[in-house]
Amino acid sequence: MRASVSAALGKILALPRWLIGSGLAVLCAAIAKLLVHLYAGRHYGYYTDELYFLACARHLAWGYVDQPPLIAFVTRLGTLLFGKSLPAIRFLPALAGVAKIVLTGLIARELGGGRFAQGLAALAVLLAPGFLGIDNLLSMNVYEPLFWLACAYVVLRIVHTGNQKLWLWVGVWSGLGLLNKHSMLIFGFGMVIGLLLTRERRCFRSPWFWLGGLVAFLVFLPNLLWNIQNHFPFLELQANIRQEGRNVVPGPLAFFSQEMLAMLPLALPIWLGGLWFFFFAAKGKPFRVLGWACVATFTVILVLNPRIYYLWPAVPILFAGGSVLWESWLTSPCLRWVRYAYPTLMILLGAFLAPMLLPVLPVETYIRYAAATHLEPPAIEKWKLGPLPQMYAAQFGWEEMVATVAQVYQSLPPDVQPKTAIFAQNFGQAGAIDLFGPKYGLPNAISGHQNYFLWGPRDYTGESVIVLQGRQDQLEQIYASVEKRAHVSNPYSMPREHGDIFYCRGLKAPLKQMWPMVKNWH
């Protein structure tokens, strides 16, 4: 036991030495990553999902309708440490992006890469427009690659050292990954396929492998029990989304083109080189388990009609392998200039594409930039859009909406206000009311959307309700009195967030009795 603890401490202490040694380029990329995200987003606001995660953080549980619990716990921790301001809630995601670069560099080193390979892999992660976009927002997606990459790194250590006890760490990272996103199961399946198809299948004879699986199961068990107790709402939600046809499902060629753009077009030779490294290079043969894991993971995701970002957590593994391959190919003196020219071109193209997914430009400047370059991020949902793409539009209009609701609320008699519920149509609206509302003297919102439905109507009766974005003809069927009091609109926000605000009185049945009718899991 003492030996294993000493080895772990040795690894931790060796990390700073590596970063200021052969991993110096990785350190520079990590610092650049942090600085970019600390700068970005000053002209924009809270993203829709961020408002929801902040609400979930105030209702800690072992599960939610649309996600496992880890994002709520991490968000709660972040707000306790740094507060709820926009830079505060995005600080931990920025650190997660930094950790992704460091893990990619470590994997490149473990694959036998030297200074150039480690730096190239780190640079590819830094410049990928897709990673710049997701790492700038509070979401499960920013943490997902950490668990995939941590598992991949530990598997490489097992291949190198033969230490089967390390499967316990794979179990820990896998279990935590499942508490972050259920898609960890897909990468776990890919890893099992990779083990079965290589000589590393011998691990199945080791009790440590099965104990690692048990650790993963035990870490994930609280969320599994929550889903059982609540009749697997996540599966119901996914079925509703598929039936609704909300997601954009591109064809294979369009999907590949979007992936190439999101991961930086000039990085394509690197991650394709990663496949070559794992399957055809002699140096990569011992680590082919990761190549098969990536191929199996990609195949499953493609079959499931994915969103573009579902593949991204595994791409740094290919960046690492491809960088090692290109390092070995560029050893000739006549090709050494490529080691400087190609990364330079990557940096220039990365800077050109960055505004597509990273909000470094003021909104009007971005609109002119997008029009001039004809660049826009791929659509992931079939929503009608205004002048901004969904990722940017979803960061506008929230506080203005809350201020408008506050005007309606404060126009009510003082004795009526405590009995007045604020009903929101989706978790973005409800989350905005909950976050900004206290400044305007508003109570928390109620809603039937996602986990807000499970939080219920609280003690409201329905005798007095402010309804956001309702339809008068529908509201008149269930309320005795319906009055349009205001309209919400913002030139940059999502058009679906524009709508009327109604003041309704006299719900024709008790709100708790009618609550099942407002369920909206889409």
Protein backbone atom coordinates (compact mmCIF):
# COMPACT_ATOMS: atom_id res chain seq x y z
CA MET A 1 0.00 0.00 0.00
CA ARG A 2 2.83 2.38 0.91
CA ALA A 3 4.54 1.62 -2.38
CA SER A 4 1.43 2.48 -4.40
CA VAL A 5 0.92 5.72 -2.46
CA SER A 6 4.57 6.67 -2.99
CA ALA A 7 4.23 5.94 -6.70
CA ALA A 8 1.14 8.12 -6.92
CA LEU A 9 2.88 10.96 -5.09
CA GLY A 10 5.84 10.57 -7.39
CA LYS A 11 3.58 10.97 -10.41
CA ILE A 12 1.99 14.10 -8.96
CA LEU A 13 5.36 15.66 -8.13
CA ALA A 14 6.71 14.75 -11.58
CA LEU A 15 3.96 16.69 -13.36
CA PRO A 16 5.37 20.20 -12.71
CA ARG A 17 8.84 19.02 -13.69
CA TRP A 18 7.49 17.66 -16.97
CA LEU A 19 5.57 20.87 -17.73
CA ILE A 20 8.67 23.01 -17.40
CA GLY A 21 10.75 20.45 -19.26
CA SER A 22 9.67 18.48 -22.33
CA GLY A 23 6.08 19.56 -21.73
CA LEU A 24 6.83 23.28 -21.87
CA ALA A 25 4.83 23.69 -25.09
CA VAL A 26 1.91 21.96 -23.37
CA LEU A 27 2.17 24.42 -20.49
CA CYS A 28 2.18 27.37 -22.90
CA ALA A 29 -0.92 26.02 -24.66
CA ALA A 30 -2.64 25.51 -21.31
CA ILE A 31 -1.88 29.08 -20.19
CA ALA A 32 -3.09 30.44 -23.52
CA LYS A 33 -6.28 28.42 -23.12
CA LEU A 34 -6.97 29.90 -19.70
CA LEU A 35 -6.28 33.46 -20.81
CA VAL A 36 -8.54 33.14 -23.86
CA HIS A 37 -11.49 31.97 -21.78
CA LEU A 38 -10.94 34.57 -19.08
CA TYR A 39 -11.15 37.20 -21.81
CA ALA A 40 -14.03 35.79 -23.89
CA GLY A 41 -17.71 36.36 -23.28
CA ARG A 42 -17.54 39.88 -21.83
CA HIS A 43 -20.09 41.16 -24.36
CA TYR A 44 -22.57 38.30 -23.95
CA GLY A 45 -24.72 36.87 -21.16
CA TYR A 46 -25.73 33.63 -19.49
CA TYR A 47 -26.40 30.71 -21.83
CA THR A 48 -29.80 28.99 -21.52
CA ASP A 49 -28.40 25.77 -20.04
CA GLU A 50 -26.25 27.68 -17.57
CA LEU A 51 -29.38 29.21 -16.05
CA TYR A 52 -30.81 25.72 -15.66
CA PHE A 53 -27.65 24.26 -14.11
CA LEU A 54 -27.64 27.08 -11.56
CA ALA A 55 -31.21 26.14 -10.68
CA CYS A 56 -30.26 22.46 -10.38
CA ALA A 57 -27.38 23.44 -8.11
CA ARG A 58 -29.97 24.89 -5.72
CA HIS A 59 -31.85 21.55 -5.77
CA LEU A 60 -29.10 18.98 -5.29
CA ALA A 61 -30.19 15.41 -5.98
CA TRP A 62 -28.75 12.17 -7.32
CA GLY A 63 -30.39 12.70 -10.68
CA TYR A 64 -32.35 14.99 -12.93
CA VAL A 65 -34.74 14.43 -15.81
CA ASP A 66 -32.17 15.31 -18.45
CA GLN A 67 -28.79 14.66 -16.83
CA PRO A 68 -26.86 12.89 -14.09
CA PRO A 69 -26.03 14.85 -10.92
CA LEU A 70 -22.36 15.81 -11.26
CA ILE A 71 -22.90 19.08 -13.14
CA ALA A 72 -25.21 20.32 -10.36
CA PHE A 73 -22.67 19.42 -7.65
CA VAL A 74 -19.80 21.05 -9.56
CA THR A 75 -21.91 24.15 -10.19
CA ARG A 76 -22.84 24.33 -6.52
CA LEU A 77 -19.16 24.07 -5.58
CA GLY A 78 -18.24 26.76 -8.09
CA THR A 79 -20.88 29.18 -6.83
CA LEU A 80 -19.78 28.63 -3.23
CA LEU A 81 -16.16 29.32 -4.13
CA PHE A 82 -16.49 32.08 -6.70
CA GLY A 83 -20.10 33.30 -6.80
CA LYS A 84 -22.78 33.34 -9.49
CA SER A 85 -21.43 36.00 -11.82
CA LEU A 86 -20.75 35.00 -15.41
CA PRO A 87 -16.94 34.95 -15.06
CA ALA A 88 -17.33 33.01 -11.80
CA ILE A 89 -19.47 30.18 -13.16
CA ARG A 90 -17.24 29.85 -16.23
CA PHE A 91 -13.96 29.68 -14.32
CA LEU A 92 -14.13 25.95 -13.53
CA PRO A 93 -15.05 25.12 -17.16
CA ALA A 94 -11.99 27.11 -18.26
CA LEU A 95 -9.85 25.07 -15.87
CA ALA A 96 -11.40 21.89 -17.30
CA GLY A 97 -10.31 23.05 -20.75
CA VAL A 98 -6.79 23.56 -19.40
CA ALA A 99 -6.84 20.06 -17.89
CA LYS A 100 -7.91 18.63 -21.26
CA ILE A 101 -4.80 20.10 -22.88
CA VAL A 102 -2.54 18.73 -20.13
CA LEU A 103 -4.09 15.25 -20.36
CA THR A 104 -3.66 15.24 -24.14
CA GLY A 105 0.00 16.13 -23.73
CA LEU A 106 0.43 13.38 -21.12
CA ILE A 107 -1.14 10.83 -23.46
CA ALA A 108 1.19 11.93 -26.26
CA ARG A 109 4.14 11.49 -23.92
CA GLU A 110 2.89 8.05 -22.84
CA LEU A 111 2.64 7.06 -26.50
CA GLY A 112 6.33 7.82 -26.91
CA GLY A 113 6.06 11.37 -28.17
CA GLY A 114 8.76 13.92 -27.54
CA ARG A 115 8.63 17.66 -27.14
CA PHE A 116 7.24 18.34 -30.62
CA ALA A 117 4.53 15.65 -30.45
CA GLN A 118 3.33 16.78 -27.05
CA GLY A 119 3.21 20.41 -28.14
CA LEU A 120 1.46 19.65 -31.43
CA ALA A 121 -1.24 17.58 -29.71
CA ALA A 122 -1.78 20.34 -27.14
CA LEU A 123 -1.93 22.98 -29.88
CA ALA A 124 -4.53 20.98 -31.82
CA VAL A 125 -6.78 20.87 -28.73
CA LEU A 126 -6.21 24.55 -28.02
CA LEU A 127 -7.15 25.72 -31.52
CA ALA A 128 -10.12 23.42 -32.23
CA PRO A 129 -13.10 25.80 -32.62
CA GLY A 130 -15.43 23.22 -31.11
CA PHE A 131 -13.40 22.99 -27.91
CA LEU A 132 -13.12 26.77 -27.73
CA GLY A 133 -16.90 26.92 -27.84
CA ILE A 134 -17.85 24.27 -25.29
CA ASP A 135 -15.04 25.13 -22.88
CA ASN A 136 -16.38 28.67 -22.61
CA LEU A 137 -19.73 27.55 -21.17
CA LEU A 138 -20.81 25.83 -18.00
CA SER A 139 -22.00 22.42 -19.19
CA MET A 140 -21.49 18.69 -18.85
CA ASN A 141 -19.72 18.69 -22.22
CA VAL A 142 -16.73 20.61 -20.90
CA TYR A 143 -16.04 17.95 -18.26
CA GLU A 144 -16.81 14.89 -20.38
CA PRO A 145 -13.43 14.71 -22.20
CA LEU A 146 -11.61 14.73 -18.85
CA PHE A 147 -13.11 11.38 -17.87
CA TRP A 148 -12.55 9.81 -21.29
CA LEU A 149 -8.96 11.03 -21.44
CA ALA A 150 -8.24 10.06 -17.83
CA CYS A 151 -9.42 6.50 -18.56
CA ALA A 152 -7.33 6.40 -21.74
CA TYR A 153 -4.25 7.60 -19.89
CA VAL A 154 -4.61 5.02 -17.13
CA VAL A 155 -5.09 2.26 -19.72
CA LEU A 156 -1.84 3.37 -21.35
CA ARG A 157 -0.14 3.14 -17.97
CA ILE A 158 -1.49 -0.40 -17.58
CA VAL A 159 -0.13 -1.33 -21.02
CA HIS A 160 3.27 0.15 -20.13
CA THR A 161 3.63 -1.16 -16.60
CA GLY A 162 1.43 -4.24 -16.52
CA ASN A 163 0.09 -3.00 -13.19
CA GLN A 164 -3.44 -4.43 -13.17
CA LYS A 165 -4.32 -2.63 -9.93
CA LEU A 166 -4.66 0.54 -12.02
CA TRP A 167 -8.02 -0.78 -13.23
CA LEU A 168 -9.37 0.54 -9.96
CA TRP A 169 -8.58 4.06 -11.18
CA VAL A 170 -10.26 3.34 -14.50
CA GLY A 171 -13.30 2.37 -12.43
CA VAL A 172 -13.20 5.62 -10.47
CA TRP A 173 -12.94 7.80 -13.59
CA SER A 174 -15.58 5.76 -15.41
CA GLY A 175 -18.01 6.02 -12.50
CA LEU A 176 -17.50 9.76 -12.22
CA GLY A 177 -17.88 10.04 -15.99
CA LEU A 178 -21.26 8.28 -15.74
CA LEU A 179 -22.31 10.76 -13.05
CA ASN A 180 -21.45 13.50 -15.55
CA LYS A 181 -22.98 12.10 -18.76
CA HIS A 182 -24.45 8.72 -19.56
CA SER A 183 -22.49 8.74 -22.84
CA MET A 184 -19.55 7.49 -20.76
CA LEU A 185 -21.16 4.09 -21.40
CA ILE A 186 -20.40 4.47 -25.11
CA PHE A 187 -16.71 5.08 -24.52
CA GLY A 188 -16.65 2.25 -21.99
CA PHE A 189 -18.16 -0.05 -24.62
CA GLY A 190 -15.53 1.12 -27.11
CA MET A 191 -12.78 0.41 -24.61
CA VAL A 192 -14.10 -3.12 -24.00
CA ILE A 193 -14.14 -3.73 -27.77
CA GLY A 194 -10.57 -2.45 -27.94
CA LEU A 195 -9.51 -4.86 -25.19
CA LEU A 196 -11.22 -7.80 -26.84
CA LEU A 197 -9.55 -7.14 -30.20
CA THR A 198 -6.00 -6.80 -28.87
CA ARG A 199 -3.64 -8.74 -26.68
CA GLU A 200 -4.80 -6.64 -23.75
CA ARG A 201 -7.76 -9.04 -23.54
CA ARG A 202 -5.64 -10.82 -20.95
CA CYS A 203 -6.88 -8.22 -18.47
CA PHE A 204 -10.18 -10.12 -18.33
CA ARG A 205 -8.36 -12.79 -16.34
CA SER A 206 -7.32 -10.28 -13.70
CA PRO A 207 -9.57 -9.74 -10.69
CA TRP A 208 -8.48 -6.09 -10.66
CA PHE A 209 -10.28 -5.49 -13.96
CA TRP A 210 -13.56 -6.76 -12.51
CA LEU A 211 -13.00 -4.86 -9.28
CA GLY A 212 -12.54 -1.73 -11.37
CA GLY A 213 -15.87 -2.44 -13.01
CA LEU A 214 -17.42 -2.86 -9.58
CA VAL A 215 -15.98 0.49 -8.46
CA ALA A 216 -17.50 2.19 -11.53
CA PHE A 217 -20.87 0.58 -10.79
CA LEU A 218 -20.82 1.63 -7.13
CA VAL A 219 -19.90 5.22 -7.98
CA PHE A 220 -22.74 5.34 -10.51
CA LEU A 221 -25.22 3.44 -8.34
CA PRO A 222 -26.89 6.47 -6.65
CA ASN A 223 -27.89 7.89 -10.03
CA LEU A 224 -29.10 4.48 -11.20
CA LEU A 225 -31.28 4.13 -8.10
CA TRP A 226 -32.65 7.64 -8.63
CA ASN A 227 -33.61 6.72 -12.21
CA ILE A 228 -35.28 3.52 -11.06
CA GLN A 229 -37.25 5.38 -8.40
CA ASN A 230 -38.34 7.99 -10.96
CA HIS A 231 -39.09 5.49 -13.76
CA PHE A 232 -36.11 6.45 -15.95
CA PRO A 233 -37.18 9.95 -17.00
CA PHE A 234 -34.04 10.35 -19.10
CA LEU A 235 -35.18 7.55 -21.43
CA GLU A 236 -38.63 9.12 -21.70
CA LEU A 237 -37.04 12.46 -22.53
CA GLN A 238 -34.84 10.97 -25.26
CA ALA A 239 -37.81 9.18 -26.79
CA ASN A 240 -39.76 12.45 -26.86
CA ILE A 241 -36.88 14.29 -28.53
CA ARG A 242 -36.57 11.62 -31.22
CA GLN A 243 -40.31 11.65 -31.83
CA GLU A 244 -40.36 15.44 -32.03
CA GLY A 245 -37.49 15.44 -34.54
CA ARG A 246 -35.98 18.54 -32.95
CA ASN A 247 -32.32 17.69 -33.59
CA VAL A 248 -30.64 18.29 -36.93
CA VAL A 249 -29.39 14.95 -38.30
CA PRO A 250 -26.83 15.56 -41.09
CA GLY A 251 -25.82 12.90 -43.59
CA PRO A 252 -22.44 11.16 -43.24
CA LEU A 253 -20.63 13.51 -45.61
CA ALA A 254 -22.09 16.65 -44.01
CA PHE A 255 -21.35 15.25 -40.56
CA PHE A 256 -17.71 14.59 -41.46
CA SER A 257 -17.39 18.09 -42.94
CA GLN A 258 -18.77 19.61 -39.74
CA GLU A 259 -16.38 17.55 -37.61
CA MET A 260 -13.44 18.65 -39.75
CA LEU A 261 -14.43 22.31 -39.34
CA ALA A 262 -15.11 21.99 -35.59
CA MET A 263 -11.74 20.33 -34.94
CA LEU A 264 -9.87 22.79 -37.25
CA PRO A 265 -9.43 21.74 -40.90
CA LEU A 266 -5.63 21.87 -40.67
CA ALA A 267 -5.78 19.41 -37.76
CA LEU A 268 -7.39 16.76 -39.98
CA PRO A 269 -4.01 15.20 -40.93
CA ILE A 270 -3.23 14.94 -37.22
CA TRP A 271 -6.28 13.02 -36.09
CA LEU A 272 -6.34 10.88 -39.24
CA GLY A 273 -2.68 10.29 -38.51
CA GLY A 274 -3.78 9.11 -35.09
CA LEU A 275 -5.78 6.31 -36.68
CA TRP A 276 -2.78 5.40 -38.82
CA PHE A 277 -0.55 5.46 -35.75
CA PHE A 278 -2.71 3.04 -33.76
CA PHE A 279 -3.42 0.62 -36.60
CA PHE A 280 -0.42 0.67 -38.93
CA ALA A 281 2.62 2.19 -37.19
CA ALA A 282 4.91 -0.21 -35.36
CA LYS A 283 5.30 2.30 -32.55
CA GLY A 284 1.54 2.45 -32.04
CA LYS A 285 0.84 -1.29 -32.16
CA PRO A 286 1.14 -1.83 -28.37
CA PHE A 287 -1.53 0.83 -27.87
CA ARG A 288 -3.99 -0.36 -30.52
CA VAL A 289 -6.59 -0.80 -27.80
CA LEU A 290 -7.14 2.97 -27.95
CA GLY A 291 -7.46 2.93 -31.73
CA TRP A 292 -10.18 0.29 -31.58
CA ALA A 293 -11.83 2.12 -28.68
CA CYS A 294 -12.08 5.29 -30.80
CA VAL A 295 -13.35 3.44 -33.89
CA ALA A 296 -15.98 1.53 -31.89
CA THR A 297 -17.05 4.71 -30.07
CA PHE A 298 -17.35 6.68 -33.31
CA THR A 299 -19.34 3.86 -34.93
CA VAL A 300 -21.87 3.67 -32.12
CA ILE A 301 -22.31 7.43 -32.04
CA LEU A 302 -22.81 7.63 -35.81
CA VAL A 303 -25.42 4.88 -35.67
CA LEU A 304 -27.27 6.78 -32.95
CA ASN A 305 -27.71 9.84 -35.23
CA PRO A 306 -25.59 12.12 -33.08
CA ARG A 307 -25.04 15.77 -32.51
CA ILE A 308 -21.73 16.94 -33.84
CA TYR A 309 -20.10 17.36 -30.41
CA TYR A 310 -20.73 13.77 -29.29
CA LEU A 311 -17.48 12.63 -30.93
CA TRP A 312 -15.28 15.37 -29.55
CA PRO A 313 -14.22 13.82 -26.21
CA ALA A 314 -12.30 11.06 -28.02
CA VAL A 315 -10.62 13.25 -30.64
CA PRO A 316 -7.71 14.35 -28.35
CA ILE A 317 -6.66 10.69 -28.19
CA LEU A 318 -6.25 10.75 -31.96
CA PHE A 319 -4.52 14.13 -31.76
CA ALA A 320 -1.99 12.55 -29.40
CA GLY A 321 -1.38 9.50 -31.59
CA GLY A 322 -1.21 11.55 -34.78
CA SER A 323 1.25 13.98 -33.26
CA VAL A 324 3.60 11.13 -32.32
CA LEU A 325 3.33 9.82 -35.88
CA TRP A 326 4.09 13.19 -37.46
CA GLU A 327 7.02 13.71 -35.11
CA SER A 328 8.58 10.49 -36.40
CA TRP A 329 7.87 11.45 -40.02
CA LEU A 330 9.39 14.91 -39.71
CA THR A 331 12.80 13.89 -38.42
CA SER A 332 14.53 14.42 -41.76
CA PRO A 333 16.54 17.70 -41.84
CA CYS A 334 14.87 18.71 -45.09
CA LEU A 335 11.44 18.46 -43.43
CA ARG A 336 12.21 20.04 -40.08
CA TRP A 337 10.92 23.41 -41.32
CA VAL A 338 7.46 21.84 -41.40
CA ARG A 339 7.61 21.57 -37.59
CA TYR A 340 7.48 25.36 -37.44
CA ALA A 341 5.49 26.25 -40.55
CA TYR A 342 2.54 23.92 -39.99
CA PRO A 343 1.81 24.94 -36.37
CA THR A 344 2.06 28.57 -37.48
CA LEU A 345 -0.57 27.98 -40.17
CA MET A 346 -2.73 26.21 -37.59
CA ILE A 347 -2.52 29.22 -35.27
CA LEU A 348 -3.47 31.63 -38.06
CA LEU A 349 -6.43 29.53 -39.18
CA GLY A 350 -7.48 28.92 -35.58
CA ALA A 351 -7.55 32.66 -34.90
CA PHE A 352 -9.58 33.21 -38.07
CA LEU A 353 -12.19 30.57 -37.12
CA ALA A 354 -12.33 31.24 -33.37
CA PRO A 355 -15.09 33.89 -33.48
CA MET A 356 -17.39 31.28 -35.00
CA LEU A 357 -17.81 29.57 -31.61
CA LEU A 358 -15.93 31.74 -29.11
CA PRO A 359 -17.56 35.10 -28.24
CA VAL A 360 -14.47 37.27 -28.49
CA LEU A 361 -16.14 39.92 -30.65
CA PRO A 362 -18.90 42.38 -29.71
CA VAL A 363 -22.20 41.26 -31.16
CA GLU A 364 -22.42 43.79 -34.00
CA THR A 365 -18.79 43.14 -34.92
CA TYR A 366 -19.48 39.41 -34.95
CA ILE A 367 -22.49 39.85 -37.26
CA ARG A 368 -20.35 41.82 -39.73
CA TYR A 369 -17.53 39.28 -39.40
CA ALA A 370 -19.86 36.34 -40.07
CA ALA A 371 -21.37 38.10 -43.09
CA ALA A 372 -17.94 38.89 -44.51
CA THR A 373 -16.48 35.42 -43.97
CA HIS A 374 -19.69 33.40 -44.53
CA LEU A 375 -18.82 31.42 -41.43
CA GLU A 376 -21.37 30.13 -38.97
CA PRO A 377 -21.42 27.15 -36.61
CA PRO A 378 -23.47 24.14 -37.74
CA ALA A 379 -27.07 24.04 -36.52
CA ILE A 380 -27.75 21.37 -33.90
CA GLU A 381 -31.48 21.97 -33.44
CA LYS A 382 -34.25 23.00 -35.81
CA TRP A 383 -35.05 26.32 -34.16
CA LYS A 384 -35.77 29.45 -36.14
CA LEU A 385 -32.84 31.82 -35.72
CA GLY A 386 -32.37 35.57 -35.89
CA PRO A 387 -29.12 37.39 -36.73
CA LEU A 388 -27.07 35.18 -34.38
CA PRO A 389 -26.40 31.44 -34.31
CA GLN A 390 -28.04 29.45 -31.53
CA MET A 391 -24.99 29.33 -29.25
CA TYR A 392 -24.80 33.12 -29.19
CA ALA A 393 -28.51 33.99 -29.43
CA ALA A 394 -29.21 31.86 -26.36
CA GLN A 395 -27.07 34.28 -24.32
CA PHE A 396 -29.27 37.34 -24.91
CA GLY A 397 -32.49 38.74 -23.50
CA TRP A 398 -32.74 36.98 -20.15
CA GLU A 399 -32.44 39.88 -17.71
CA GLU A 400 -34.61 42.10 -19.91
CA MET A 401 -37.28 39.40 -19.78
CA VAL A 402 -37.05 39.24 -15.98
CA ALA A 403 -37.31 43.03 -15.72
CA THR A 404 -40.47 42.94 -17.85
CA VAL A 405 -41.98 40.21 -15.67
CA ALA A 406 -41.12 42.29 -12.61
CA GLN A 407 -43.10 45.23 -13.97
CA VAL A 408 -46.16 43.00 -14.30
CA TYR A 409 -45.63 41.50 -10.84
CA GLN A 410 -45.17 44.87 -9.15
CA SER A 411 -48.30 46.24 -10.78
CA LEU A 412 -50.37 43.77 -8.75
CA PRO A 413 -51.85 44.74 -5.36
CA PRO A 414 -49.42 44.06 -2.49
CA ASP A 415 -51.76 41.49 -0.93
CA VAL A 416 -51.98 39.57 -4.25
CA GLN A 417 -48.24 39.38 -4.98
CA PRO A 418 -47.38 36.67 -2.40
CA LYS A 419 -50.06 34.42 -3.90
CA THR A 420 -48.89 34.99 -7.49
CA ALA A 421 -46.96 32.26 -9.26
CA ILE A 422 -44.67 32.96 -12.23
CA PHE A 423 -45.07 30.16 -14.76
CA ALA A 424 -42.29 29.77 -17.35
CA GLN A 425 -42.50 27.69 -20.51
CA ASN A 426 -38.93 26.37 -20.39
CA PHE A 427 -36.01 26.00 -18.02
CA GLY A 428 -34.18 28.97 -19.52
CA GLN A 429 -37.00 31.33 -18.64
CA ALA A 430 -37.48 29.74 -15.22
CA GLY A 431 -33.75 29.77 -14.51
CA ALA A 432 -33.53 33.44 -15.47
CA ILE A 433 -36.37 34.29 -13.08
CA ASP A 434 -34.62 32.36 -10.31
CA LEU A 435 -31.24 34.00 -10.94
CA PHE A 436 -32.18 37.63 -11.64
CA GLY A 437 -35.56 37.67 -9.89
CA PRO A 438 -34.37 38.40 -6.33
CA LYS A 439 -32.91 41.70 -7.53
CA TYR A 440 -36.40 42.67 -8.74
CA GLY A 441 -38.28 41.27 -5.76
CA LEU A 442 -39.62 38.23 -7.64
CA PRO A 443 -40.25 34.74 -6.25
CA ASN A 444 -38.75 31.70 -7.93
CA ALA A 445 -40.52 30.45 -11.03
CA ILE A 446 -42.47 27.26 -11.60
CA SER A 447 -42.50 25.33 -14.86
CA GLY A 448 -43.35 21.97 -16.36
CA HIS A 449 -40.09 21.79 -18.32
CA GLN A 450 -37.53 19.10 -17.46
CA ASN A 451 -36.70 18.95 -13.76
CA TYR A 452 -38.82 21.97 -12.91
CA PHE A 453 -41.79 19.63 -13.32
CA LEU A 454 -40.46 17.39 -10.55
CA TRP A 455 -39.95 20.40 -8.29
CA GLY A 456 -43.68 20.97 -8.57
CA PRO A 457 -46.01 23.95 -8.07
CA ARG A 458 -44.97 24.43 -4.44
CA ASP A 459 -47.79 26.07 -2.42
CA TYR A 460 -49.36 28.03 -5.26
CA THR A 461 -53.05 27.44 -5.91
CA GLY A 462 -53.42 28.96 -9.35
CA GLU A 463 -55.62 31.84 -8.20
CA SER A 464 -53.06 34.35 -9.51
CA VAL A 465 -50.46 33.44 -12.14
CA ILE A 466 -48.14 35.36 -14.46
CA VAL A 467 -47.65 33.20 -17.56
CA LEU A 468 -44.67 33.78 -19.82
CA GLN A 469 -45.10 33.29 -23.55
CA GLY A 470 -48.60 31.90 -23.28
CA ARG A 471 -51.40 31.75 -25.86
CA GLN A 472 -54.53 33.63 -24.90
CA ASP A 473 -56.98 31.18 -26.50
CA GLN A 474 -55.46 28.26 -24.60
CA LEU A 475 -55.19 30.13 -21.31
CA GLU A 476 -58.85 31.20 -21.49
CA GLN A 477 -59.85 27.55 -21.42
CA ILE A 478 -58.37 27.01 -17.96
CA TYR A 479 -58.50 30.47 -16.31
CA ALA A 480 -61.52 32.63 -15.50
CA SER A 481 -59.63 35.82 -16.46
CA VAL A 482 -56.72 36.30 -18.87
CA GLU A 483 -55.08 39.67 -19.58
CA LYS A 484 -52.12 40.39 -21.82
CA ARG A 485 -49.84 42.67 -19.80
CA ALA A 486 -46.52 42.85 -21.69
CA HIS A 487 -44.43 41.61 -24.59
CA VAL A 488 -40.86 40.29 -24.51
CA SER A 489 -38.51 40.71 -27.46
CA ASN A 490 -34.80 41.18 -28.03
CA PRO A 491 -33.17 41.69 -31.45
CA TYR A 492 -30.38 39.21 -30.68
CA SER A 493 -32.13 36.50 -28.65
CA MET A 494 -33.67 33.28 -29.91
CA PRO A 495 -36.95 34.10 -31.72
CA ARG A 496 -38.68 31.34 -29.76
CA GLU A 497 -38.09 33.43 -26.60
CA HIS A 498 -40.13 36.33 -27.99
CA GLY A 499 -43.71 36.37 -26.77
CA ASP A 500 -46.46 37.85 -24.65
CA ILE A 501 -46.78 37.86 -20.88
CA PHE A 502 -50.24 37.25 -19.44
CA TYR A 503 -51.74 37.79 -16.04
CA CYS A 504 -54.22 35.01 -15.29
CA ARG A 505 -56.69 34.65 -12.43
CA GLY A 506 -59.01 31.94 -11.25
CA LEU A 507 -57.58 28.62 -12.40
CA LYS A 508 -60.61 26.39 -12.90
CA ALA A 509 -59.11 23.51 -10.90
CA PRO A 510 -56.49 23.37 -8.11
CA LEU A 511 -52.97 23.83 -9.51
CA LYS A 512 -51.66 20.67 -7.86
CA GLN A 513 -54.46 18.71 -9.50
CA MET A 514 -53.68 20.17 -12.92
CA TRP A 515 -49.90 19.92 -12.54
CA PRO A 516 -49.52 16.64 -14.53
CA MET A 517 -50.92 18.50 -17.56
CA VAL A 518 -47.97 20.92 -17.68
CA LYS A 519 -45.33 18.19 -17.93
CA ASN A 520 -42.97 19.13 -20.76
CA TRP A 521 -40.08 16.71 -21.21
CA HIS A 522 -38.69 17.67 -24.61
